Amino acid sequence: PLITKLEFYHKQSVQVFVSLLRIVLIRLFTITAISIDLLAVYILSTGANDCWETEFGQVFYSQALFALIASIFVFAIYLAVRRLIAVILLGELHTWKWIPKKVIKVIDFVIDGPNFNITTRVMNIIYIQALLWLGMFFCPWLSVMGFLGFILLFIVMSFATISFVKFDVSQIYYSA
C-alpha cells in the first residue's frame, strides 16, 4: 500500500506485518463498535422494539451488503482509474523535458500503478465473512446474499487483477 511505501521499511516481511496489523485492528474495532452500539441501543431503549434480534440482523445485513458492494466496485474502479492515471501521467511525464529527473522519479515512486496486495484483499474477504457469519444468526437470507456476493466478488476481482495489476512475486511470497 501507499502508506507502507512512504514509511520505507527495510524488510518486506515487516511491511506485510504492519499492513496486516493495521487492517486487522481496524476491522476488529469496526465489528466491536457495531456490536456494542447495537447492544447499548437495545439496553437503553424503553421497550419500543422488543425484537433486538431483528435490529441486529438488519444492521449486519446492511453492513455486509455495503462491504460487498464497496469491495466489488470500489476495488475495480480504483484499480482501473489508478492504472489509467499511471499509464497516461507517467507516459506523458517522460516526454516533457522541462521537468527535472528527480521530480519524475518521485512521481514514478508514488504513482507507480497498482500492485497486487494480497494482505489487504484477504483481510477484506475475512471481514465480510465475519459480518456474514455474525449476521446469519439473526438474518438467514444473509447467507444467500453472501454466496451470490462472493461469486460476483471473485469474478470482478479476478478480471480487475488480471487486467490492471502488476505482480510482485516477493510480496506474495512474504504474505503467504
Protein backbone atom coordinates (compact mmCIF):
# COMPACT_ATOMS: atom_id res chain seq x y z
CA PRO A 1 0.00 0.00 0.00
CA LEU A 2 0.93 3.63 -0.39
CA ILE A 3 1.36 4.23 3.35
CA THR A 4 3.90 1.45 3.78
CA LYS A 5 5.69 2.63 0.63
CA LEU A 6 6.17 6.03 2.21
CA GLU A 7 7.33 4.60 5.54
CA PHE A 8 10.40 2.99 3.93
CA TYR A 9 10.54 -0.35 5.69
CA HIS A 10 13.78 -2.20 5.07
CA LYS A 11 12.28 -5.67 5.07
CA GLN A 12 9.32 -6.80 3.01
CA SER A 13 8.12 -9.03 5.86
CA VAL A 14 7.90 -6.04 8.23
CA GLN A 15 5.87 -4.12 5.66
CA VAL A 16 3.43 -7.02 5.30
CA PHE A 17 3.17 -7.47 9.08
CA VAL A 18 2.45 -3.77 9.69
CA SER A 19 -0.19 -3.73 6.92
CA LEU A 20 -1.85 -6.85 8.32
CA LEU A 21 -1.85 -5.47 11.85
CA ARG A 22 -3.45 -2.20 10.73
CA ILE A 23 -6.17 -3.93 8.74
CA VAL A 24 -6.97 -6.49 11.45
CA LEU A 25 -7.24 -3.85 14.17
CA ILE A 26 -9.41 -1.53 12.08
CA ARG A 27 -11.79 -4.33 11.09
CA LEU A 28 -11.93 -5.74 14.61
CA PHE A 29 -12.71 -2.33 16.10
CA THR A 30 -15.41 -1.78 13.47
CA ILE A 31 -17.23 -5.03 14.28
CA THR A 32 -16.82 -4.42 18.01
CA ALA A 33 -18.17 -0.87 17.74
CA ILE A 34 -21.19 -2.04 15.75
CA SER A 35 -21.99 -4.76 18.27
CA ILE A 36 -21.52 -2.53 21.32
CA ASP A 37 -23.63 0.21 19.76
CA LEU A 38 -26.45 -2.19 18.97
CA LEU A 39 -26.42 -3.70 22.44
CA ALA A 40 -26.28 -0.25 24.06
CA VAL A 41 -29.25 0.92 22.00
CA TYR A 42 -31.19 -2.20 22.97
CA ILE A 43 -30.35 -1.88 26.68
CA LEU A 44 -31.15 1.86 26.78
CA SER A 45 -34.33 1.59 24.75
CA THR A 46 -37.60 1.86 26.63
CA GLY A 47 -39.09 -1.28 25.10
CA ALA A 48 -40.22 0.38 21.87
CA ASN A 49 -38.79 -2.51 19.90
CA ASP A 50 -38.75 -5.77 21.79
CA CYS A 51 -37.17 -7.79 18.99
CA TRP A 52 -33.49 -6.86 19.22
CA GLU A 53 -32.53 -9.80 17.01
CA THR A 54 -34.27 -8.17 14.05
CA GLU A 55 -32.37 -4.92 14.55
CA PHE A 56 -29.13 -6.84 14.90
CA GLY A 57 -29.82 -8.77 11.68
CA GLN A 58 -30.77 -5.61 9.77
CA VAL A 59 -27.60 -3.79 10.78
CA PHE A 60 -25.35 -6.72 9.92
CA TYR A 61 -27.21 -7.16 6.63
CA SER A 62 -26.64 -3.52 5.68
CA GLN A 63 -23.00 -3.63 6.80
CA ALA A 64 -22.28 -6.83 4.86
CA LEU A 65 -24.10 -5.55 1.77
CA PHE A 66 -22.19 -2.26 1.85
CA ALA A 67 -18.86 -4.06 2.41
CA LEU A 68 -19.51 -6.36 -0.55
CA ILE A 69 -20.55 -3.51 -2.84
CA ALA A 70 -17.58 -1.42 -1.76
CA SER A 71 -15.19 -4.33 -2.24
CA ILE A 72 -16.54 -5.15 -5.67
CA PHE A 73 -17.00 -1.79 -7.31
CA VAL A 74 -14.56 0.45 -5.47
CA PHE A 75 -11.79 -2.11 -5.95
CA ALA A 76 -12.41 -2.41 -9.69
CA ILE A 77 -12.93 1.33 -10.26
CA TYR A 78 -9.93 2.23 -8.09
CA LEU A 79 -7.65 -0.15 -9.98
CA ALA A 80 -8.86 0.97 -13.39
CA VAL A 81 -8.52 4.69 -12.63
CA ARG A 82 -5.15 4.31 -10.92
CA ARG A 83 -3.78 2.24 -13.80
CA LEU A 84 -5.11 4.76 -16.32
CA ILE A 85 -3.56 7.68 -14.43
CA ALA A 86 -0.25 5.85 -14.09
CA VAL A 87 -0.09 4.97 -17.79
CA ILE A 88 -1.14 8.41 -19.04
CA LEU A 89 0.75 10.52 -16.50
CA LEU A 90 3.97 8.54 -16.47
CA GLY A 91 3.97 8.19 -20.24
CA GLU A 92 3.49 11.93 -20.67
CA LEU A 93 5.99 12.94 -17.98
CA HIS A 94 8.84 11.13 -19.66
CA THR A 95 8.27 13.14 -22.85
CA TRP A 96 8.34 16.52 -21.08
CA LYS A 97 11.93 17.73 -20.97
CA TRP A 98 11.36 20.70 -18.65
CA ILE A 99 10.51 18.53 -15.61
CA PRO A 100 13.62 17.59 -13.58
CA LYS A 101 14.53 13.89 -13.42
CA LYS A 102 14.28 13.88 -9.60
CA VAL A 103 10.65 15.01 -9.75
CA ILE A 104 9.86 12.29 -12.29
CA LYS A 105 11.48 9.67 -10.02
CA VAL A 106 9.37 10.81 -7.06
CA ILE A 107 6.20 10.73 -9.15
CA ASP A 108 7.19 7.30 -10.51
CA PHE A 109 7.62 6.11 -6.93
CA VAL A 110 4.26 7.43 -5.69
CA ILE A 111 2.11 6.78 -8.79
CA ASP A 112 3.57 3.51 -9.95
CA GLY A 113 0.36 1.82 -10.92
CA PRO A 114 -1.39 -0.59 -8.59
CA ASN A 115 0.47 -3.57 -7.18
CA PHE A 116 -1.23 -6.76 -6.10
CA ASN A 117 -1.66 -6.57 -2.33
CA ILE A 118 -2.75 -9.96 -1.10
CA THR A 119 -2.91 -9.00 2.58
CA THR A 120 -5.50 -6.27 2.02
CA ARG A 121 -7.62 -8.43 -0.26
CA VAL A 122 -7.62 -11.39 2.10
CA MET A 123 -8.40 -9.25 5.13
CA ASN A 124 -11.31 -7.58 3.28
CA ILE A 125 -12.74 -11.00 2.47
CA ILE A 126 -12.29 -12.17 6.08
CA TYR A 127 -14.03 -9.01 7.33
CA ILE A 128 -17.00 -9.62 5.03
CA GLN A 129 -17.12 -13.26 6.14
CA ALA A 130 -17.11 -12.19 9.79
CA LEU A 131 -20.04 -9.86 9.13
CA LEU A 132 -21.89 -12.63 7.30
CA TRP A 133 -21.28 -15.22 10.00
CA LEU A 134 -22.32 -12.88 12.80
CA GLY A 135 -25.37 -11.71 10.88
CA MET A 136 -26.55 -15.16 9.73
CA PHE A 137 -27.76 -15.97 13.23
CA PHE A 138 -30.24 -13.10 13.01
CA CYS A 139 -30.89 -12.84 9.26
CA PRO A 140 -30.93 -16.20 7.41
CA TRP A 141 -31.12 -14.56 3.97
CA LEU A 142 -27.68 -13.14 4.58
CA SER A 143 -26.19 -16.49 3.57
CA VAL A 144 -27.77 -16.27 0.09
CA MET A 145 -26.64 -12.68 -0.33
CA GLY A 146 -23.14 -13.63 0.81
CA PHE A 147 -22.95 -16.57 -1.58
CA LEU A 148 -24.02 -14.51 -4.59
CA GLY A 149 -21.89 -11.57 -3.49
CA PHE A 150 -18.76 -13.70 -3.18
CA ILE A 151 -19.30 -15.17 -6.65
CA LEU A 152 -19.59 -11.65 -8.08
CA LEU A 153 -16.62 -10.51 -5.97
CA PHE A 154 -14.48 -13.33 -7.35
CA ILE A 155 -15.40 -12.58 -10.98
CA VAL A 156 -14.81 -8.82 -10.69
CA MET A 157 -11.61 -9.13 -8.62
CA SER A 158 -10.10 -11.72 -10.94
CA PHE A 159 -10.87 -9.61 -14.02
CA ALA A 160 -9.57 -6.41 -12.42
CA THR A 161 -6.47 -8.11 -11.07
CA ILE A 162 -5.58 -9.70 -14.41
CA SER A 163 -6.30 -6.51 -16.34
CA PHE A 164 -4.88 -3.72 -14.17
CA VAL A 165 -2.44 -5.03 -11.55
CA LYS A 166 1.31 -5.58 -11.56
CA PHE A 167 2.56 -8.61 -9.66
CA ASP A 168 5.47 -8.58 -7.24
CA VAL A 169 6.41 -12.18 -6.55
CA SER A 170 8.45 -11.33 -3.44
CA GLN A 171 5.49 -9.60 -1.78
CA ILE A 172 3.20 -12.56 -2.45
CA TYR A 173 5.89 -14.87 -1.03
CA TYR A 174 6.18 -12.84 2.20
CA SER A 175 2.41 -12.53 2.54
CA ALA A 176 1.89 -16.26 2.30
